[in-house]
Amino acid sequence: MAHGGKQRSNRPRRGGPSLLIPFLLASLAAALSWFVLHRPQHVEELLADAGVQVDVVAHVKLLFPEQLKREQAEAKRVQLMLEQQQEHAKTERRVQQAIARANFYQQNVLPLIDQTNQADHEAVTRCRHRIARQMDLYHKGADRFVAEVTNLTTRFGVLSRMPGAWWSGDDRIEAYVRSKFHQHVFTDRKLMADLSRILLEFRDEINANQRRLLAQVQAAVNESDLPKVTPLEPQVFCEQVALTLAEFASDQGLTSVENLVGALVLGEVGAFAARSLILAVMARMGPALATGAAAGAGAAVGGSAAGAGGGSLAGPVGTVVGFGVGLAVGLAIDWWMTDQFQSELSGNMHHYLFKLECGLIAGSSDGGGDGLRDTLPIVCDQLKQAYQDRFYQQIVAEPLALGKP
């Protein structure tokens, strides 16, 4: 201790150079660490300029393993969060588009389908009117047939053929009357051709309505803000609707007549389907028509009608025509020499044609079967359901399933 002075301490002063230098070195190390961790490619470029080739990332992994793990974990967390946000945005867009497509289907497509269904039912009405007009022509032909069969010439022709027919047991009287029936009323081929033509005209109207519907829906889609919907070719659309209609028929147990109407309006072999439909309807009405003919004209007429219906002409149509011919033959035999011959024949011929028309329209000659009156509207409503299903799948369901925006 110096004389008269204080004792000097050997401890370093607080905050002196001995603490500042380590702090500066630590700060510099931290800065370098951050730079190396976040800009390793820059460090590699600087070292390369100095002539040193080194894998900075590899050295960082060795020098700062824990910090590197934290940085990588944070980067993964941020990346996962971004991916979740993007997926949420995509889902939100798909939901909004699904709502927009469903609203478009509800507001634009369903009204067009309803209009088409109404047009189809109007086609049904026109089809029935055509059948009625055709039957009117048959009634006029029946008047000409009655006039010819009841004149003196034909009466003498029937009389002159009676002995030979009874002696030989042949059908010369029937053939004589049948030729006049075919001339004035119809043959089985003419009846089939007339009815097939009417049904094919109905089919053409349904197909025209379908094509118009498809064009209207496609135009509405093109004018909307919806993403483009894959257009359907009419043939492809018709095939898909036909498959849907067949599924409906299988699920709901439609009758064979209803199935044949579906094949008529959607099948490629329309003429064959029309003939098959007529055969099916007439096969159902034949027995009742024969019973009515027999009950309305006496035993002799009934026997002749039943014989004609039993096989003189082929198939259900030939059988139906045969009833008319047999009825006329029986009346000619029973009433040919009486004053009531013309009135009896006329009344029975028109009654026969009325029963035929009832069978076509209602399904049986007494109006209680599966005829065109019931089956055509049923198939029209089935078509409406098929259109709804097909367009919903095309506009709403399929794009959503495929994840289209």
Protein backbone atom coordinates (compact mmCIF):
# COMPACT_ATOMS: atom_id res chain seq x y z
CA MET A 1 0.00 0.00 0.00
CA ALA A 2 1.43 3.44 -0.98
CA HIS A 3 2.05 5.96 1.50
CA GLY A 4 -0.97 8.14 2.18
CA GLY A 5 -3.04 6.49 -0.66
CA LYS A 6 -5.81 3.90 -1.11
CA GLN A 7 -5.19 0.29 -1.97
CA ARG A 8 -5.85 -0.37 -5.77
CA SER A 9 -7.91 -3.44 -6.63
CA ASN A 10 -6.68 -5.93 -9.25
CA ARG A 11 -10.28 -6.91 -10.38
CA PRO A 12 -11.21 -5.85 -13.99
CA ARG A 13 -13.68 -3.05 -14.32
CA ARG A 14 -17.37 -4.01 -15.10
CA GLY A 15 -18.04 -3.67 -18.84
CA GLY A 16 -14.42 -3.36 -19.74
CA PRO A 17 -12.65 -4.77 -22.82
CA SER A 18 -12.52 -8.29 -21.37
CA LEU A 19 -16.42 -8.61 -21.70
CA LEU A 20 -16.95 -6.63 -24.89
CA ILE A 21 -14.71 -8.74 -27.06
CA PRO A 22 -16.47 -12.08 -26.34
CA PHE A 23 -19.85 -10.40 -26.90
CA LEU A 24 -18.75 -9.09 -30.27
CA LEU A 25 -17.35 -12.46 -31.24
CA ALA A 26 -20.58 -14.21 -30.22
CA SER A 27 -22.69 -11.72 -32.20
CA LEU A 28 -20.50 -12.17 -35.23
CA ALA A 29 -20.78 -15.95 -34.92
CA ALA A 30 -24.57 -15.74 -34.68
CA ALA A 31 -24.76 -13.48 -37.73
CA LEU A 32 -22.52 -15.80 -39.68
CA SER A 33 -24.59 -18.79 -38.55
CA TRP A 34 -27.84 -17.19 -39.72
CA PHE A 35 -26.27 -16.21 -43.02
CA VAL A 36 -24.85 -19.68 -43.53
CA LEU A 37 -28.13 -21.32 -42.62
CA HIS A 38 -30.33 -19.09 -44.79
CA ARG A 39 -27.99 -18.20 -47.65
CA PRO A 40 -25.74 -21.23 -48.09
CA GLN A 41 -25.51 -20.71 -51.85
CA HIS A 42 -24.10 -17.19 -51.31
CA VAL A 43 -21.49 -18.51 -48.92
CA GLU A 44 -20.50 -21.17 -51.42
CA GLU A 45 -20.13 -18.50 -54.12
CA LEU A 46 -17.90 -16.33 -51.86
CA LEU A 47 -15.73 -19.29 -50.96
CA ALA A 48 -15.54 -20.35 -54.60
CA ASP A 49 -14.30 -16.87 -55.52
CA ALA A 50 -11.58 -17.30 -52.91
CA GLY A 51 -10.62 -20.63 -54.43
CA VAL A 52 -12.21 -22.77 -51.74
CA GLN A 53 -14.68 -25.51 -52.71
CA VAL A 54 -16.83 -26.57 -49.79
CA ASP A 55 -20.36 -27.98 -49.26
CA VAL A 56 -21.71 -25.35 -46.89
CA VAL A 57 -24.98 -27.16 -46.24
CA ALA A 58 -23.15 -30.30 -45.20
CA HIS A 59 -20.94 -28.34 -42.81
CA VAL A 60 -23.95 -26.51 -41.40
CA LYS A 61 -25.62 -29.84 -40.69
CA LEU A 62 -22.52 -30.86 -38.76
CA LEU A 63 -22.03 -27.56 -36.92
CA PHE A 64 -25.67 -26.68 -36.15
CA PRO A 65 -27.75 -29.91 -36.19
CA GLU A 66 -30.42 -28.84 -33.70
CA GLN A 67 -30.95 -25.44 -35.26
CA LEU A 68 -31.18 -27.02 -38.68
CA LYS A 69 -33.85 -29.43 -37.46
CA ARG A 70 -35.86 -26.56 -36.03
CA GLU A 71 -35.56 -24.64 -39.27
CA GLN A 72 -36.65 -27.67 -41.30
CA ALA A 73 -39.59 -28.38 -38.97
CA GLU A 74 -40.73 -24.79 -39.26
CA ALA A 75 -40.44 -24.90 -43.06
CA LYS A 76 -42.52 -28.10 -43.20
CA ARG A 77 -45.14 -26.58 -40.92
CA VAL A 78 -45.43 -23.51 -43.12
CA GLN A 79 -45.58 -25.66 -46.28
CA LEU A 80 -48.31 -27.88 -44.79
CA MET A 81 -50.30 -24.82 -43.75
CA LEU A 82 -50.05 -23.41 -47.28
CA GLU A 83 -51.14 -26.71 -48.81
CA GLN A 84 -54.12 -26.91 -46.44
CA GLN A 85 -55.12 -23.37 -47.35
CA GLN A 86 -54.89 -24.20 -51.06
CA GLU A 87 -56.93 -27.38 -50.64
CA HIS A 88 -59.53 -25.49 -48.62
CA ALA A 89 -59.73 -22.89 -51.38
CA LYS A 90 -60.16 -25.62 -54.02
CA THR A 91 -62.90 -27.29 -51.97
CA GLU A 92 -64.63 -23.97 -51.53
CA ARG A 93 -64.52 -23.35 -55.29
CA ARG A 94 -65.88 -26.85 -56.00
CA VAL A 95 -68.73 -26.33 -53.55
CA GLN A 96 -69.58 -22.96 -55.08
CA GLN A 97 -69.48 -24.44 -58.57
CA ALA A 98 -71.64 -27.38 -57.48
CA ILE A 99 -74.20 -24.94 -56.09
CA ALA A 100 -74.05 -22.91 -59.30
CA ARG A 101 -74.51 -26.05 -61.43
CA ALA A 102 -77.42 -27.27 -59.30
CA ASN A 103 -79.09 -23.85 -59.52
CA PHE A 104 -78.57 -23.83 -63.29
CA TYR A 105 -80.10 -27.30 -63.58
CA GLN A 106 -83.06 -26.27 -61.42
CA GLN A 107 -83.73 -22.93 -63.11
CA ASN A 108 -82.78 -23.62 -66.74
CA VAL A 109 -82.91 -27.35 -67.48
CA LEU A 110 -85.98 -28.57 -65.59
CA PRO A 111 -88.33 -26.03 -67.25
CA LEU A 112 -87.11 -27.19 -70.69
CA ILE A 113 -87.76 -30.82 -69.71
CA ASP A 114 -91.27 -29.89 -68.57
CA GLN A 115 -91.92 -28.19 -71.91
CA THR A 116 -90.69 -31.29 -73.74
CA ASN A 117 -92.91 -33.54 -71.64
CA GLN A 118 -95.91 -31.37 -72.49
CA ALA A 119 -95.01 -31.57 -76.19
CA ASP A 120 -94.73 -35.38 -75.87
CA HIS A 121 -98.21 -35.61 -74.34
CA GLU A 122 -99.56 -33.41 -77.14
CA ALA A 123 -98.01 -35.91 -79.56
CA VAL A 124 -99.92 -38.68 -77.74
CA THR A 125 -103.17 -36.78 -78.30
CA ARG A 126 -102.40 -36.34 -82.00
CA CYS A 127 -101.58 -40.05 -82.28
CA ARG A 128 -104.98 -40.96 -80.85
CA HIS A 129 -106.68 -38.52 -83.21
CA ARG A 130 -104.91 -40.12 -86.18
CA ILE A 131 -106.14 -43.53 -85.08
CA ALA A 132 -109.67 -42.14 -84.78
CA ARG A 133 -109.49 -40.61 -88.28
CA GLN A 134 -108.17 -43.89 -89.67
CA MET A 135 -111.03 -45.75 -88.03
CA ASP A 136 -113.47 -43.28 -89.59
CA LEU A 137 -112.07 -44.29 -92.98
CA TYR A 138 -112.62 -47.93 -92.07
CA HIS A 139 -116.23 -47.15 -91.10
CA LYS A 140 -116.77 -45.51 -94.49
CA GLY A 141 -115.26 -48.56 -96.14
CA ALA A 142 -117.62 -50.74 -94.10
CA ASP A 143 -120.59 -48.80 -95.49
CA ARG A 144 -119.37 -49.50 -99.03
CA PHE A 145 -118.78 -53.14 -98.11
CA VAL A 146 -122.34 -53.48 -96.72
CA ALA A 147 -123.80 -51.82 -99.81
CA GLU A 148 -122.04 -54.24 -102.11
CA VAL A 149 -122.65 -57.39 -100.07
CA THR A 150 -126.39 -56.65 -99.77
CA ASN A 151 -127.02 -55.83 -103.41
CA LEU A 152 -128.80 -58.39 -105.59
CA THR A 153 -125.68 -59.38 -107.49
CA THR A 154 -123.74 -60.34 -104.37
CA ARG A 155 -126.77 -62.01 -102.81
CA PHE A 156 -127.10 -64.16 -105.92
CA GLY A 157 -123.35 -64.87 -105.77
CA VAL A 158 -123.69 -66.09 -102.16
CA LEU A 159 -126.76 -68.16 -103.07
CA SER A 160 -125.08 -69.78 -106.07
CA ARG A 161 -122.06 -70.81 -103.97
CA MET A 162 -124.01 -72.31 -101.09
CA PRO A 163 -124.71 -75.80 -102.56
CA GLY A 164 -121.09 -76.34 -103.61
CA ALA A 165 -119.80 -75.08 -100.24
CA TRP A 166 -122.11 -77.39 -98.33
CA TRP A 167 -121.36 -80.34 -100.60
CA SER A 168 -117.57 -79.90 -100.68
CA GLY A 169 -117.16 -78.34 -97.26
CA ASP A 170 -114.85 -75.66 -98.67
CA ASP A 171 -114.65 -71.93 -97.96
CA ARG A 172 -115.82 -70.55 -101.33
CA ILE A 173 -118.48 -68.35 -99.70
CA GLU A 174 -115.98 -67.03 -97.17
CA ALA A 175 -113.43 -66.34 -99.92
CA TYR A 176 -116.07 -64.51 -101.95
CA VAL A 177 -117.10 -62.27 -99.05
CA ARG A 178 -113.49 -61.84 -97.86
CA SER A 179 -112.40 -60.43 -101.20
CA LYS A 180 -115.05 -57.72 -100.93
CA PHE A 181 -114.14 -57.03 -97.29
CA HIS A 182 -110.49 -56.63 -98.24
CA GLN A 183 -111.44 -54.37 -101.13
CA HIS A 184 -113.55 -51.95 -99.10
CA VAL A 185 -112.39 -52.19 -95.46
CA PHE A 186 -108.85 -53.56 -94.98
CA THR A 187 -106.56 -56.54 -95.28
CA ASP A 188 -104.28 -57.63 -92.48
CA ARG A 189 -101.33 -56.01 -94.28
CA LYS A 190 -103.20 -52.76 -94.81
CA LEU A 191 -104.31 -52.64 -91.18
CA MET A 192 -100.74 -53.27 -90.03
CA ALA A 193 -99.33 -50.67 -92.44
CA ASP A 194 -101.88 -48.00 -91.45
CA LEU A 195 -101.33 -48.43 -87.72
CA SER A 196 -97.55 -48.70 -88.09
CA ARG A 197 -97.49 -45.43 -90.03
CA ILE A 198 -99.42 -43.68 -87.25
CA LEU A 199 -97.08 -45.02 -84.56
CA LEU A 200 -93.98 -44.07 -86.56
CA GLU A 201 -95.34 -40.53 -86.94
CA PHE A 202 -95.67 -40.44 -83.14
CA ARG A 203 -92.10 -41.72 -82.84
CA ASP A 204 -90.83 -38.99 -85.18
CA GLU A 205 -92.52 -36.33 -83.06
CA ILE A 206 -90.97 -37.68 -79.84
CA ASN A 207 -87.52 -37.78 -81.46
CA ALA A 208 -87.92 -34.22 -82.75
CA ASN A 209 -88.89 -33.07 -79.25
CA GLN A 210 -85.84 -34.82 -77.85
CA ARG A 211 -83.45 -33.23 -80.35
CA ARG A 212 -84.93 -29.80 -79.64
CA LEU A 213 -84.51 -30.34 -75.90
CA LEU A 214 -80.87 -31.33 -76.31
CA ALA A 215 -80.15 -28.27 -78.47
CA GLN A 216 -81.93 -25.94 -76.02
CA VAL A 217 -80.02 -27.28 -73.01
CA GLN A 218 -76.68 -27.06 -74.83
CA ALA A 219 -77.44 -23.47 -75.87
CA ALA A 220 -78.32 -22.57 -72.27
CA VAL A 221 -75.06 -24.09 -71.04
CA ASN A 222 -73.04 -22.18 -73.65
CA GLU A 223 -74.66 -18.90 -72.62
CA SER A 224 -74.10 -19.47 -68.91
CA ASP A 225 -71.03 -18.77 -66.76
CA LEU A 226 -70.58 -22.46 -66.03
CA PRO A 227 -67.41 -24.19 -67.17
CA LYS A 228 -67.88 -25.97 -70.44
CA VAL A 229 -70.00 -29.12 -70.19
CA THR A 230 -68.99 -31.90 -72.53
CA PRO A 231 -71.59 -31.80 -75.34
CA LEU A 232 -73.53 -34.95 -76.10
CA GLU A 233 -74.17 -36.15 -79.61
CA PRO A 234 -77.89 -36.85 -80.20
CA GLN A 235 -77.22 -40.54 -80.84
CA VAL A 236 -75.15 -40.93 -77.67
CA PHE A 237 -77.72 -39.02 -75.65
CA CYS A 238 -80.53 -41.20 -77.06
CA GLU A 239 -78.61 -44.37 -76.16
CA GLN A 240 -78.05 -43.17 -72.61
CA VAL A 241 -81.70 -42.21 -72.22
CA ALA A 242 -82.71 -45.62 -73.58
CA LEU A 243 -80.53 -47.35 -70.97
CA THR A 244 -82.07 -45.23 -68.20
CA LEU A 245 -85.55 -46.01 -69.51
CA ALA A 246 -84.74 -49.73 -69.51
CA GLU A 247 -83.61 -49.46 -65.88
CA PHE A 248 -86.89 -47.74 -64.98
CA ALA A 249 -88.83 -50.50 -66.74
CA SER A 250 -86.93 -53.17 -64.83
CA ASP A 251 -87.35 -51.44 -61.45
CA GLN A 252 -91.01 -50.53 -61.87
CA GLY A 253 -92.20 -53.67 -63.66
CA LEU A 254 -93.61 -52.11 -66.81
CA THR A 255 -95.80 -54.30 -69.03
CA SER A 256 -94.62 -55.74 -72.33
CA VAL A 257 -96.75 -53.19 -74.20
CA GLU A 258 -95.09 -50.30 -72.32
CA ASN A 259 -91.66 -51.78 -73.01
CA LEU A 260 -92.53 -52.00 -76.70
CA VAL A 261 -93.57 -48.33 -76.71
CA GLY A 262 -90.19 -47.49 -75.19
CA ALA A 263 -88.45 -49.52 -77.88
CA LEU A 264 -90.56 -47.73 -80.49
CA VAL A 265 -89.63 -44.19 -79.45
CA LEU A 266 -85.94 -44.87 -78.69
CA GLY A 267 -84.95 -47.98 -80.61
CA GLU A 268 -83.15 -48.02 -83.94
CA VAL A 269 -85.63 -50.49 -85.50
CA GLY A 270 -88.74 -48.35 -85.25
CA ALA A 271 -90.78 -50.16 -87.90
CA PHE A 272 -90.16 -53.53 -86.25
CA ALA A 273 -91.06 -52.08 -82.83
CA ALA A 274 -94.26 -50.57 -84.27
CA ARG A 275 -95.35 -53.92 -85.71
CA SER A 276 -94.46 -55.69 -82.46
CA LEU A 277 -96.49 -53.17 -80.48
CA ILE A 278 -99.54 -53.63 -82.71
CA LEU A 279 -99.26 -57.41 -82.45
CA ALA A 280 -99.03 -57.21 -78.65
CA VAL A 281 -102.10 -54.97 -78.38
CA MET A 282 -104.16 -57.08 -80.76
CA ALA A 283 -103.15 -60.31 -79.08
CA ARG A 284 -104.68 -58.94 -75.87
CA MET A 285 -107.90 -57.78 -77.50
CA GLY A 286 -108.51 -60.77 -79.79
CA PRO A 287 -110.40 -63.10 -77.42
CA ALA A 288 -112.79 -60.38 -76.26
CA LEU A 289 -113.38 -59.30 -79.85
CA ALA A 290 -114.25 -62.85 -80.87
CA THR A 291 -116.63 -63.24 -77.92
CA GLY A 292 -118.34 -59.96 -78.80
CA ALA A 293 -118.77 -60.98 -82.41
CA ALA A 294 -120.28 -64.33 -81.44
CA ALA A 295 -122.59 -62.83 -78.82
CA GLY A 296 -123.85 -60.08 -81.09
CA ALA A 297 -124.78 -62.00 -84.20
CA GLY A 298 -126.19 -65.39 -83.31
CA ALA A 299 -124.87 -68.92 -83.33
CA ALA A 300 -124.21 -69.19 -87.04
CA VAL A 301 -122.35 -65.90 -87.18
CA GLY A 302 -120.39 -66.73 -84.06
CA GLY A 303 -119.28 -70.01 -85.53
CA SER A 304 -118.16 -68.38 -88.75
CA ALA A 305 -116.35 -65.58 -86.88
CA ALA A 306 -114.60 -68.02 -84.60
CA GLY A 307 -113.57 -70.13 -87.57
CA ALA A 308 -112.19 -67.14 -89.41
CA GLY A 309 -110.38 -65.93 -86.32
CA GLY A 310 -108.94 -69.32 -85.61
CA GLY A 311 -106.44 -69.36 -88.42
CA SER A 312 -107.70 -68.19 -91.80
CA LEU A 313 -105.13 -65.36 -91.62
CA ALA A 314 -101.76 -65.43 -89.88
CA GLY A 315 -100.97 -63.73 -86.58
CA PRO A 316 -103.01 -61.53 -84.22
CA VAL A 317 -103.68 -58.95 -86.95
CA GLY A 318 -104.88 -61.62 -89.33
CA THR A 319 -107.03 -63.03 -86.56
CA VAL A 320 -108.66 -59.65 -85.92
CA VAL A 321 -109.34 -59.18 -89.64
CA GLY A 322 -110.64 -62.72 -89.76
CA PHE A 323 -113.25 -61.89 -87.14
CA GLY A 324 -114.66 -59.19 -89.38
CA VAL A 325 -114.71 -61.43 -92.42
CA GLY A 326 -116.27 -64.30 -90.46
CA LEU A 327 -118.89 -61.98 -89.05
CA ALA A 328 -119.85 -60.84 -92.55
CA VAL A 329 -119.94 -64.39 -93.86
CA GLY A 330 -122.15 -65.58 -91.02
CA LEU A 331 -124.56 -62.71 -91.54
CA ALA A 332 -124.65 -63.36 -95.27
CA ILE A 333 -125.61 -66.96 -94.59
CA ASP A 334 -128.17 -66.19 -91.89
CA TRP A 335 -129.77 -63.05 -93.29
CA TRP A 336 -129.15 -63.04 -97.05
CA MET A 337 -132.80 -63.51 -97.98
CA THR A 338 -134.37 -61.17 -95.36
CA ASP A 339 -135.18 -57.47 -95.43
CA GLN A 340 -133.10 -56.90 -92.31
CA PHE A 341 -129.90 -58.20 -93.95
CA GLN A 342 -128.48 -54.73 -94.70
CA SER A 343 -129.30 -53.21 -91.29
CA GLU A 344 -127.97 -56.27 -89.44
CA LEU A 345 -124.75 -56.36 -91.44
CA SER A 346 -124.21 -52.60 -91.13
CA GLY A 347 -124.81 -52.58 -87.37
CA ASN A 348 -122.52 -55.53 -86.73
CA MET A 349 -119.74 -54.20 -88.98
CA HIS A 350 -119.69 -50.83 -87.23
CA HIS A 351 -119.86 -52.54 -83.84
CA TYR A 352 -116.88 -54.70 -84.85
CA LEU A 353 -114.88 -51.62 -85.87
CA PHE A 354 -115.84 -49.83 -82.66
CA LYS A 355 -114.55 -52.79 -80.66
CA LEU A 356 -111.35 -52.74 -82.71
CA GLU A 357 -110.81 -49.05 -81.98
CA CYS A 358 -111.48 -49.58 -78.27
CA GLY A 359 -108.94 -52.38 -78.24
CA LEU A 360 -106.27 -50.21 -79.82
CA ILE A 361 -106.93 -47.22 -77.58
CA ALA A 362 -107.86 -48.91 -74.30
CA GLY A 363 -106.14 -52.28 -74.67
CA SER A 364 -109.17 -54.57 -74.96
CA SER A 365 -112.46 -54.41 -76.76
CA ASP A 366 -114.25 -53.63 -73.48
CA GLY A 367 -111.86 -50.78 -72.61
CA GLY A 368 -110.07 -52.48 -69.72
CA GLY A 369 -106.53 -53.33 -70.85
CA ASP A 370 -103.10 -51.97 -71.72
CA GLY A 371 -103.82 -49.87 -74.78
CA LEU A 372 -102.20 -46.82 -76.32
CA ARG A 373 -104.36 -44.46 -74.24
CA ASP A 374 -102.51 -45.50 -71.07
CA THR A 375 -99.15 -46.78 -72.26
CA LEU A 376 -98.10 -43.82 -74.44
CA PRO A 377 -98.47 -41.23 -71.61
CA ILE A 378 -96.72 -43.58 -69.17
CA VAL A 379 -93.71 -43.86 -71.48
CA CYS A 380 -93.71 -40.07 -71.98
CA ASP A 381 -93.45 -39.58 -68.22
CA GLN A 382 -90.73 -42.22 -68.07
CA LEU A 383 -88.86 -40.25 -70.73
CA LYS A 384 -89.18 -37.13 -68.59
CA GLN A 385 -87.55 -38.92 -65.66
CA ALA A 386 -84.82 -40.26 -67.93
CA TYR A 387 -84.10 -36.75 -69.25
CA GLN A 388 -83.91 -35.39 -65.71
CA ASP A 389 -81.52 -38.13 -64.65
CA ARG A 390 -79.29 -37.83 -67.72
CA PHE A 391 -78.95 -34.03 -67.62
CA TYR A 392 -78.35 -34.01 -63.85
CA GLN A 393 -75.56 -36.52 -64.28
CA GLN A 394 -74.03 -34.56 -67.15
CA ILE A 395 -74.26 -31.06 -65.65
CA VAL A 396 -74.05 -31.56 -61.88
CA ALA A 397 -72.93 -35.00 -60.73
CA GLU A 398 -70.18 -35.96 -63.19
CA PRO A 399 -68.21 -32.65 -63.06
CA LEU A 400 -68.34 -32.75 -59.25
CA ALA A 401 -67.13 -36.37 -59.16
CA LEU A 402 -64.26 -35.52 -61.50
CA GLY A 403 -63.32 -32.51 -59.38
CA LYS A 404 -63.87 -30.01 -62.17
CA PRO A 405 -64.00 -26.40 -60.97
